[in-house]
Amino acid sequence: MLRIIITAIWIYVAYRLLTWAFKALGAGSSPSGIDRKSSSTDVNEMVKDPICGTYVLARDAKTLRAKGQTFYFCSDECRKRFLNN
């Protein structure tokens, strides 16, 4: 029974390391300084509002799809300010 538990823990740790490594390899900063996330963003991931810099959960954020990118905002006010610029 102990072997099963230890094996399960090793599998979980390996999985977490692999997912972390793939995210690190795919992470890059936007040249404009605006955090742009693809539409495959995890709903539990924290995303940065490009207007005020506030971090918000992707599932709670107001979104805007423009220029092939999805932008995340903390409020409708920030979204409107982004659209006006």
PDB file of N, CA and C in Angstrom:
ATOM      1  N   MET A   1       0.825  -1.190   0.000  1.00  0.00           N
ATOM      2  CA  MET A   1       0.000   0.000   0.000  1.00  0.00           C
ATOM      3  C   MET A   1       0.868   1.252   0.000  1.00  0.00           C
ATOM      4  N   LEU A   2       1.952   1.228   0.773  1.00  0.00           N
ATOM      5  CA  LEU A   2       2.866   2.361   0.842  1.00  0.00           C
ATOM      6  C   LEU A   2       3.525   2.621  -0.511  1.00  0.00           C
ATOM      7  N   ARG A   3       3.857   1.557  -1.226  1.00  0.00           N
ATOM      8  CA  ARG A   3       4.443   1.709  -2.560  1.00  0.00           C
ATOM      9  C   ARG A   3       3.483   2.433  -3.503  1.00  0.00           C
ATOM     10  N   ILE A   4       2.217   2.140  -3.422  1.00  0.00           N
ATOM     11  CA  ILE A   4       1.221   2.784  -4.279  1.00  0.00           C
ATOM     12  C   ILE A   4       1.139   4.279  -3.972  1.00  0.00           C
ATOM     13  N   ILE A   5       1.146   4.605  -2.705  1.00  0.00           N
ATOM     14  CA  ILE A   5       1.077   6.014  -2.296  1.00  0.00           C
ATOM     15  C   ILE A   5       2.319   6.772  -2.758  1.00  0.00           C
ATOM     16  N   ILE A   6       3.490   6.190  -2.563  1.00  0.00           N
ATOM     17  CA  ILE A   6       4.737   6.827  -2.973  1.00  0.00           C
ATOM     18  C   ILE A   6       4.777   6.985  -4.495  1.00  0.00           C
ATOM     19  N   THR A   7       4.357   5.955  -5.219  1.00  0.00           N
ATOM     20  CA  THR A   7       4.315   6.039  -6.683  1.00  0.00           C
ATOM     21  C   THR A   7       3.356   7.137  -7.136  1.00  0.00           C
ATOM     22  N   ALA A   8       2.220   7.244  -6.510  1.00  0.00           N
ATOM     23  CA  ALA A   8       1.255   8.286  -6.867  1.00  0.00           C
ATOM     24  C   ALA A   8       1.835   9.678  -6.603  1.00  0.00           C
ATOM     25  N   ILE A   9       2.548   9.826  -5.515  1.00  0.00           N
ATOM     26  CA  ILE A   9       3.172  11.116  -5.211  1.00  0.00           C
ATOM     27  C   ILE A   9       4.225  11.462  -6.257  1.00  0.00           C
ATOM     28  N   TRP A  10       5.047  10.504  -6.642  1.00  0.00           N
ATOM     29  CA  TRP A  10       6.067  10.742  -7.674  1.00  0.00           C
ATOM     30  C   TRP A  10       5.433  11.110  -9.007  1.00  0.00           C
ATOM     31  N   ILE A  11       4.363  10.451  -9.360  1.00  0.00           N
ATOM     32  CA  ILE A  11       3.684  10.766 -10.616  1.00  0.00           C
ATOM     33  C   ILE A  11       3.125  12.184 -10.566  1.00  0.00           C
ATOM     34  N   TYR A  12       2.547  12.552  -9.454  1.00  0.00           N
ATOM     35  CA  TYR A  12       1.995  13.902  -9.304  1.00  0.00           C
ATOM     36  C   TYR A  12       3.098  14.962  -9.389  1.00  0.00           C
ATOM     37  N   VAL A  13       4.217  14.726  -8.708  1.00  0.00           N
ATOM     38  CA  VAL A  13       5.327  15.678  -8.736  1.00  0.00           C
ATOM     39  C   VAL A  13       5.879  15.807 -10.157  1.00  0.00           C
ATOM     40  N   ALA A  14       6.031  14.699 -10.850  1.00  0.00           N
ATOM     41  CA  ALA A  14       6.522  14.738 -12.226  1.00  0.00           C
ATOM     42  C   ALA A  14       5.557  15.507 -13.121  1.00  0.00           C
ATOM     43  N   TYR A  15       4.275  15.291 -12.951  1.00  0.00           N
ATOM     44  CA  TYR A  15       3.269  16.005 -13.723  1.00  0.00           C
ATOM     45  C   TYR A  15       3.361  17.505 -13.485  1.00  0.00           C
ATOM     46  N   ARG A  16       3.461  17.919 -12.223  1.00  0.00           N
ATOM     47  CA  ARG A  16       3.547  19.349 -11.890  1.00  0.00           C
ATOM     48  C   ARG A  16       4.823  19.971 -12.461  1.00  0.00           C
ATOM     49  N   LEU A  17       5.931  19.254 -12.400  1.00  0.00           N
ATOM     50  CA  LEU A  17       7.175  19.767 -12.959  1.00  0.00           C
ATOM     51  C   LEU A  17       7.087  19.925 -14.468  1.00  0.00           C
ATOM     52  N   LEU A  18       6.488  18.960 -15.130  1.00  0.00           N
ATOM     53  CA  LEU A  18       6.341  19.051 -16.583  1.00  0.00           C
ATOM     54  C   LEU A  18       5.421  20.195 -16.990  1.00  0.00           C
ATOM     55  N   THR A  19       4.303  20.370 -16.297  1.00  0.00           N
ATOM     56  CA  THR A  19       3.402  21.461 -16.653  1.00  0.00           C
ATOM     57  C   THR A  19       4.064  22.802 -16.371  1.00  0.00           C
ATOM     58  N   TRP A  20       4.829  22.900 -15.291  1.00  0.00           N
ATOM     59  CA  TRP A  20       5.552  24.137 -14.999  1.00  0.00           C
ATOM     60  C   TRP A  20       6.590  24.429 -16.087  1.00  0.00           C
ATOM     61  N   ALA A  21       7.308  23.393 -16.517  1.00  0.00           N
ATOM     62  CA  ALA A  21       8.342  23.578 -17.536  1.00  0.00           C
ATOM     63  C   ALA A  21       7.728  24.022 -18.865  1.00  0.00           C
ATOM     64  N   PHE A  22       6.617  23.428 -19.251  1.00  0.00           N
ATOM     65  CA  PHE A  22       5.986  23.820 -20.508  1.00  0.00           C
ATOM     66  C   PHE A  22       5.453  25.247 -20.446  1.00  0.00           C
ATOM     67  N   LYS A  23       4.915  25.645 -19.308  1.00  0.00           N
ATOM     68  CA  LYS A  23       4.450  27.028 -19.162  1.00  0.00           C
ATOM     69  C   LYS A  23       5.627  27.991 -19.213  1.00  0.00           C
ATOM     70  N   ALA A  24       6.740  27.623 -18.580  1.00  0.00           N
ATOM     71  CA  ALA A  24       7.916  28.495 -18.569  1.00  0.00           C
ATOM     72  C   ALA A  24       8.490  28.646 -19.974  1.00  0.00           C
ATOM     73  N   LEU A  25       8.493  27.577 -20.741  1.00  0.00           N
ATOM     74  CA  LEU A  25       9.010  27.651 -22.107  1.00  0.00           C
ATOM     75  C   LEU A  25       8.112  28.483 -23.004  1.00  0.00           C
ATOM     76  N   GLY A  26       6.820  28.428 -22.776  1.00  0.00           N
ATOM     77  CA  GLY A  26       5.879  29.159 -23.614  1.00  0.00           C
ATOM     78  C   GLY A  26       5.657  30.583 -23.168  1.00  0.00           C
ATOM     79  N   ALA A  27       6.154  30.945 -21.991  1.00  0.00           N
ATOM     80  CA  ALA A  27       5.927  32.296 -21.470  1.00  0.00           C
ATOM     81  C   ALA A  27       6.902  33.253 -22.120  1.00  0.00           C
ATOM     82  N   GLY A  28       6.351  34.384 -22.551  1.00  0.00           N
ATOM     83  CA  GLY A  28       7.159  35.447 -23.110  1.00  0.00           C
ATOM     84  C   GLY A  28       6.475  36.755 -22.823  1.00  0.00           C
ATOM     85  N   SER A  29       7.248  37.810 -22.772  1.00  0.00           N
ATOM     86  CA  SER A  29       6.624  39.090 -22.486  1.00  0.00           C
ATOM     87  C   SER A  29       6.283  39.788 -23.788  1.00  0.00           C
ATOM     88  N   SER A  30       5.231  40.523 -23.749  1.00  0.00           N
ATOM     89  CA  SER A  30       4.779  41.300 -24.889  1.00  0.00           C
ATOM     90  C   SER A  30       5.700  42.489 -25.076  1.00  0.00           C
ATOM     91  N   PRO A  31       6.098  42.811 -26.312  1.00  0.00           N
ATOM     92  CA  PRO A  31       6.999  43.941 -26.512  1.00  0.00           C
ATOM     93  C   PRO A  31       6.387  45.274 -26.096  1.00  0.00           C
ATOM     94  N   SER A  32       5.077  45.385 -26.112  1.00  0.00           N
ATOM     95  CA  SER A  32       4.437  46.645 -25.751  1.00  0.00           C
ATOM     96  C   SER A  32       4.276  46.794 -24.246  1.00  0.00           C
ATOM     97  N   GLY A  33       4.566  45.736 -23.476  1.00  0.00           N
ATOM     98  CA  GLY A  33       4.425  45.807 -22.033  1.00  0.00           C
ATOM     99  C   GLY A  33       3.027  45.446 -21.558  1.00  0.00           C
ATOM    100  N   ILE A  34       2.102  45.168 -22.462  1.00  0.00           N
ATOM    101  CA  ILE A  34       0.745  44.785 -22.095  1.00  0.00           C
ATOM    102  C   ILE A  34       0.700  43.275 -22.003  1.00  0.00           C
ATOM    103  N   ASP A  35       0.173  42.781 -20.894  1.00  0.00           N
ATOM    104  CA  ASP A  35       0.034  41.339 -20.746  1.00  0.00           C
ATOM    105  C   ASP A  35      -1.094  40.860 -21.633  1.00  0.00           C
ATOM    106  N   ARG A  36      -0.762  40.070 -22.622  1.00  0.00           N
ATOM    107  CA  ARG A  36      -1.757  39.505 -23.521  1.00  0.00           C
ATOM    108  C   ARG A  36      -1.758  38.012 -23.315  1.00  0.00           C
ATOM    109  N   LYS A  37      -2.936  37.464 -23.151  1.00  0.00           N
ATOM    110  CA  LYS A  37      -3.074  36.039 -22.925  1.00  0.00           C
ATOM    111  C   LYS A  37      -3.867  35.438 -24.066  1.00  0.00           C
ATOM    112  N   SER A  38      -3.562  34.199 -24.390  1.00  0.00           N
ATOM    113  CA  SER A  38      -4.322  33.529 -25.427  1.00  0.00           C
ATOM    114  C   SER A  38      -5.671  33.098 -24.876  1.00  0.00           C
ATOM    115  N   SER A  39      -6.525  32.660 -25.775  1.00  0.00           N
ATOM    116  CA  SER A  39      -7.863  32.264 -25.350  1.00  0.00           C
ATOM    117  C   SER A  39      -7.844  30.964 -24.555  1.00  0.00           C
ATOM    118  N   SER A  40      -6.677  30.323 -24.452  1.00  0.00           N
ATOM    119  CA  SER A  40      -6.587  29.084 -23.691  1.00  0.00           C
ATOM    120  C   SER A  40      -6.184  29.338 -22.237  1.00  0.00           C
ATOM    121  N   THR A  41      -6.348  30.551 -21.770  1.00  0.00           N
ATOM    122  CA  THR A  41      -6.004  30.889 -20.391  1.00  0.00           C
ATOM    123  C   THR A  41      -6.876  30.101 -19.425  1.00  0.00           C
ATOM    124  N   ASP A  42      -6.247  29.545 -18.417  1.00  0.00           N
ATOM    125  CA  ASP A  42      -6.945  28.803 -17.375  1.00  0.00           C
ATOM    126  C   ASP A  42      -7.812  29.770 -16.568  1.00  0.00           C
ATOM    127  N   VAL A  43      -9.051  29.390 -16.266  1.00  0.00           N
ATOM    128  CA  VAL A  43      -9.975  30.268 -15.551  1.00  0.00           C
ATOM    129  C   VAL A  43      -9.494  30.596 -14.143  1.00  0.00           C
ATOM    130  N   ASN A  44      -8.615  29.795 -13.579  1.00  0.00           N
ATOM    131  CA  ASN A  44      -8.090  30.052 -12.237  1.00  0.00           C
ATOM    132  C   ASN A  44      -6.771  30.821 -12.266  1.00  0.00           C
ATOM    133  N   GLU A  45      -6.322  31.206 -13.450  1.00  0.00           N
ATOM    134  CA  GLU A  45      -5.069  31.934 -13.605  1.00  0.00           C
ATOM    135  C   GLU A  45      -5.286  33.425 -13.339  1.00  0.00           C
ATOM    136  N   MET A  46      -4.305  34.035 -12.712  1.00  0.00           N
ATOM    137  CA  MET A  46      -4.360  35.481 -12.482  1.00  0.00           C
ATOM    138  C   MET A  46      -3.862  36.184 -13.748  1.00  0.00           C
ATOM    139  N   VAL A  47      -4.621  37.165 -14.211  1.00  0.00           N
ATOM    140  CA  VAL A  47      -4.250  37.934 -15.389  1.00  0.00           C
ATOM    141  C   VAL A  47      -4.169  39.405 -15.008  1.00  0.00           C
ATOM    142  N   LYS A  48      -3.356  40.159 -15.744  1.00  0.00           N
ATOM    143  CA  LYS A  48      -3.117  41.557 -15.413  1.00  0.00           C
ATOM    144  C   LYS A  48      -3.942  42.477 -16.312  1.00  0.00           C
ATOM    145  N   ASP A  49      -4.627  43.414 -15.693  1.00  0.00           N
ATOM    146  CA  ASP A  49      -5.382  44.435 -16.411  1.00  0.00           C
ATOM    147  C   ASP A  49      -4.375  45.383 -17.066  1.00  0.00           C
ATOM    148  N   PRO A  50      -4.438  45.585 -18.406  1.00  0.00           N
ATOM    149  CA  PRO A  50      -3.455  46.433 -19.073  1.00  0.00           C
ATOM    150  C   PRO A  50      -3.610  47.925 -18.766  1.00  0.00           C
ATOM    151  N   ILE A  51      -4.726  48.335 -18.202  1.00  0.00           N
ATOM    152  CA  ILE A  51      -4.953  49.746 -17.899  1.00  0.00           C
ATOM    153  C   ILE A  51      -4.444  50.111 -16.508  1.00  0.00           C
ATOM    154  N   CYS A  52      -4.943  49.444 -15.473  1.00  0.00           N
ATOM    155  CA  CYS A  52      -4.587  49.826 -14.100  1.00  0.00           C
ATOM    156  C   CYS A  52      -3.550  48.907 -13.463  1.00  0.00           C
ATOM    157  N   GLY A  53      -3.251  47.775 -14.096  1.00  0.00           N
ATOM    158  CA  GLY A  53      -2.239  46.873 -13.561  1.00  0.00           C
ATOM    159  C   GLY A  53      -2.731  45.926 -12.481  1.00  0.00           C
ATOM    160  N   THR A  54      -4.033  45.939 -12.202  1.00  0.00           N
ATOM    161  CA  THR A  54      -4.606  45.053 -11.194  1.00  0.00           C
ATOM    162  C   THR A  54      -4.623  43.616 -11.711  1.00  0.00           C
ATOM    163  N   TYR A  55      -4.330  42.668 -10.822  1.00  0.00           N
ATOM    164  CA  TYR A  55      -4.438  41.258 -11.174  1.00  0.00           C
ATOM    165  C   TYR A  55      -5.807  40.751 -10.763  1.00  0.00           C
ATOM    166  N   VAL A  56      -6.415  39.956 -11.639  1.00  0.00           N
ATOM    167  CA  VAL A  56      -7.753  39.428 -11.402  1.00  0.00           C
ATOM    168  C   VAL A  56      -7.799  38.003 -11.950  1.00  0.00           C
ATOM    169  N   LEU A  57      -8.648  37.178 -11.357  1.00  0.00           N
ATOM    170  CA  LEU A  57      -8.824  35.824 -11.891  1.00  0.00           C
ATOM    171  C   LEU A  57      -9.434  35.909 -13.283  1.00  0.00           C
ATOM    172  N   ALA A  58      -8.950  35.091 -14.187  1.00  0.00           N
ATOM    173  CA  ALA A  58      -9.446  35.111 -15.562  1.00  0.00           C
ATOM    174  C   ALA A  58     -10.951  34.859 -15.617  1.00  0.00           C
ATOM    175  N   ARG A  59     -11.451  34.042 -14.714  1.00  0.00           N
ATOM    176  CA  ARG A  59     -12.887  33.728 -14.736  1.00  0.00           C
ATOM    177  C   ARG A  59     -13.739  34.915 -14.312  1.00  0.00           C
ATOM    178  N   ASP A  60     -13.175  35.847 -13.537  1.00  0.00           N
ATOM    179  CA  ASP A  60     -13.912  37.006 -13.055  1.00  0.00           C
ATOM    180  C   ASP A  60     -13.683  38.252 -13.907  1.00  0.00           C
ATOM    181  N   ALA A  61     -12.737  38.191 -14.826  1.00  0.00           N
ATOM    182  CA  ALA A  61     -12.344  39.367 -15.591  1.00  0.00           C
ATOM    183  C   ALA A  61     -13.336  39.692 -16.702  1.00  0.00           C
ATOM    184  N   LYS A  62     -13.388  40.974 -17.027  1.00  0.00           N
ATOM    185  CA  LYS A  62     -14.115  41.435 -18.214  1.00  0.00           C
ATOM    186  C   LYS A  62     -13.147  41.253 -19.373  1.00  0.00           C
ATOM    187  N   THR A  63     -13.600  40.718 -20.490  1.00  0.00           N
ATOM    188  CA  THR A  63     -12.694  40.407 -21.586  1.00  0.00           C
ATOM    189  C   THR A  63     -13.016  41.213 -22.833  1.00  0.00           C
ATOM    190  N   LEU A  64     -12.007  41.316 -23.664  1.00  0.00           N
ATOM    191  CA  LEU A  64     -12.146  41.961 -24.962  1.00  0.00           C
ATOM    192  C   LEU A  64     -11.257  41.212 -25.929  1.00  0.00           C
ATOM    193  N   ARG A  65     -11.825  40.806 -27.050  1.00  0.00           N
ATOM    194  CA  ARG A  65     -11.071  40.109 -28.082  1.00  0.00           C
ATOM    195  C   ARG A  65     -10.787  41.111 -29.188  1.00  0.00           C
ATOM    196  N   ALA A  66      -9.505  41.415 -29.419  1.00  0.00           N
ATOM    197  CA  ALA A  66      -9.118  42.373 -30.447  1.00  0.00           C
ATOM    198  C   ALA A  66      -7.752  41.993 -31.006  1.00  0.00           C
ATOM    199  N   LYS A  67      -7.581  42.169 -32.301  1.00  0.00           N
ATOM    200  CA  LYS A  67      -6.293  41.910 -32.963  1.00  0.00           C
ATOM    201  C   LYS A  67      -5.786  40.498 -32.707  1.00  0.00           C
ATOM    202  N   GLY A  68      -6.691  39.549 -32.629  1.00  0.00           N
ATOM    203  CA  GLY A  68      -6.305  38.166 -32.409  1.00  0.00           C
ATOM    204  C   GLY A  68      -5.866  37.859 -30.987  1.00  0.00           C
ATOM    205  N   GLN A  69      -6.064  38.794 -30.066  1.00  0.00           N
ATOM    206  CA  GLN A  69      -5.667  38.608 -28.677  1.00  0.00           C
ATOM    207  C   GLN A  69      -6.878  38.777 -27.773  1.00  0.00           C
ATOM    208  N   THR A  70      -6.824  38.170 -26.609  1.00  0.00           N
ATOM    209  CA  THR A  70      -7.842  38.370 -25.590  1.00  0.00           C
ATOM    210  C   THR A  70      -7.231  39.223 -24.489  1.00  0.00           C
ATOM    211  N   PHE A  71      -7.882  40.338 -24.166  1.00  0.00           N
ATOM    212  CA  PHE A  71      -7.438  41.233 -23.111  1.00  0.00           C
ATOM    213  C   PHE A  71      -8.374  41.068 -21.922  1.00  0.00           C
ATOM    214  N   TYR A  72      -7.818  41.115 -20.722  1.00  0.00           N
ATOM    215  CA  TYR A  72      -8.586  40.919 -19.500  1.00  0.00           C
ATOM    216  C   TYR A  72      -8.564  42.199 -18.676  1.00  0.00           C
ATOM    217  N   PHE A  73      -9.727  42.587 -18.137  1.00  0.00           N
ATOM    218  CA  PHE A  73      -9.855  43.819 -17.374  1.00  0.00           C
ATOM    219  C   PHE A  73     -10.526  43.535 -16.037  1.00  0.00           C
ATOM    220  N   CYS A  74     -10.188  44.370 -15.049  1.00  0.00           N
ATOM    221  CA  CYS A  74     -10.759  44.193 -13.718  1.00  0.00           C
ATOM    222  C   CYS A  74     -12.178  44.753 -13.642  1.00  0.00           C
ATOM    223  N   SER A  75     -12.519  45.693 -14.524  1.00  0.00           N
ATOM    224  CA  SER A  75     -13.841  46.323 -14.476  1.00  0.00           C
ATOM    225  C   SER A  75     -14.248  46.807 -15.861  1.00  0.00           C
ATOM    226  N   ASP A  76     -15.517  47.168 -15.982  1.00  0.00           N
ATOM    227  CA  ASP A  76     -16.001  47.740 -17.236  1.00  0.00           C
ATOM    228  C   ASP A  76     -15.360  49.097 -17.503  1.00  0.00           C
ATOM    229  N   GLU A  77     -15.035  49.830 -16.442  1.00  0.00           N
ATOM    230  CA  GLU A  77     -14.390  51.142 -16.603  1.00  0.00           C
ATOM    231  C   GLU A  77     -13.034  51.006 -17.295  1.00  0.00           C
ATOM    232  N   CYS A  78     -12.219  50.062 -16.859  1.00  0.00           N
ATOM    233  CA  CYS A  78     -10.917  49.850 -17.482  1.00  0.00           C
ATOM    234  C   CYS A  78     -11.082  49.378 -18.917  1.00  0.00           C
ATOM    235  N   ARG A  79     -12.067  48.540 -19.161  1.00  0.00           N
ATOM    236  CA  ARG A  79     -12.336  48.063 -20.526  1.00  0.00           C
ATOM    237  C   ARG A  79     -12.711  49.232 -21.434  1.00  0.00           C
ATOM    238  N   LYS A  80     -13.554  50.143 -20.945  1.00  0.00           N
ATOM    239  CA  LYS A  80     -13.960  51.308 -21.736  1.00  0.00           C
ATOM    240  C   LYS A  80     -12.778  52.228 -21.996  1.00  0.00           C
ATOM    241  N   ARG A  81     -11.921  52.434 -20.983  1.00  0.00           N
ATOM    242  CA  ARG A  81     -10.738  53.265 -21.177  1.00  0.00           C
ATOM    243  C   ARG A  81      -9.806  52.671 -22.222  1.00  0.00           C
ATOM    244  N   PHE A  82      -9.682  51.349 -22.234  1.00  0.00           N
ATOM    245  CA  PHE A  82      -8.856  50.669 -23.227  1.00  0.00           C
ATOM    246  C   PHE A  82      -9.425  50.881 -24.627  1.00  0.00           C
ATOM    247  N   LEU A  83     -10.744  50.779 -24.761  1.00  0.00           N
ATOM    248  CA  LEU A  83     -11.385  50.965 -26.054  1.00  0.00           C
ATOM    249  C   LEU A  83     -11.264  52.403 -26.558  1.00  0.00           C
ATOM    250  N   ASN A  84     -11.230  53.365 -25.650  1.00  0.00           N
ATOM    251  CA  ASN A  84     -11.137  54.766 -26.043  1.00  0.00           C
ATOM    252  C   ASN A  84      -9.726  55.164 -26.461  1.00  0.00           C
ATOM    253  N   ASN A  85      -8.735  54.378 -26.092  1.00  0.00           N
ATOM    254  CA  ASN A  85      -7.338  54.710 -26.458  1.00  0.00           C
ATOM    255  C   ASN A  85      -6.962  54.176 -27.779  1.00  0.00           C
TER     256      ASN A  85
END
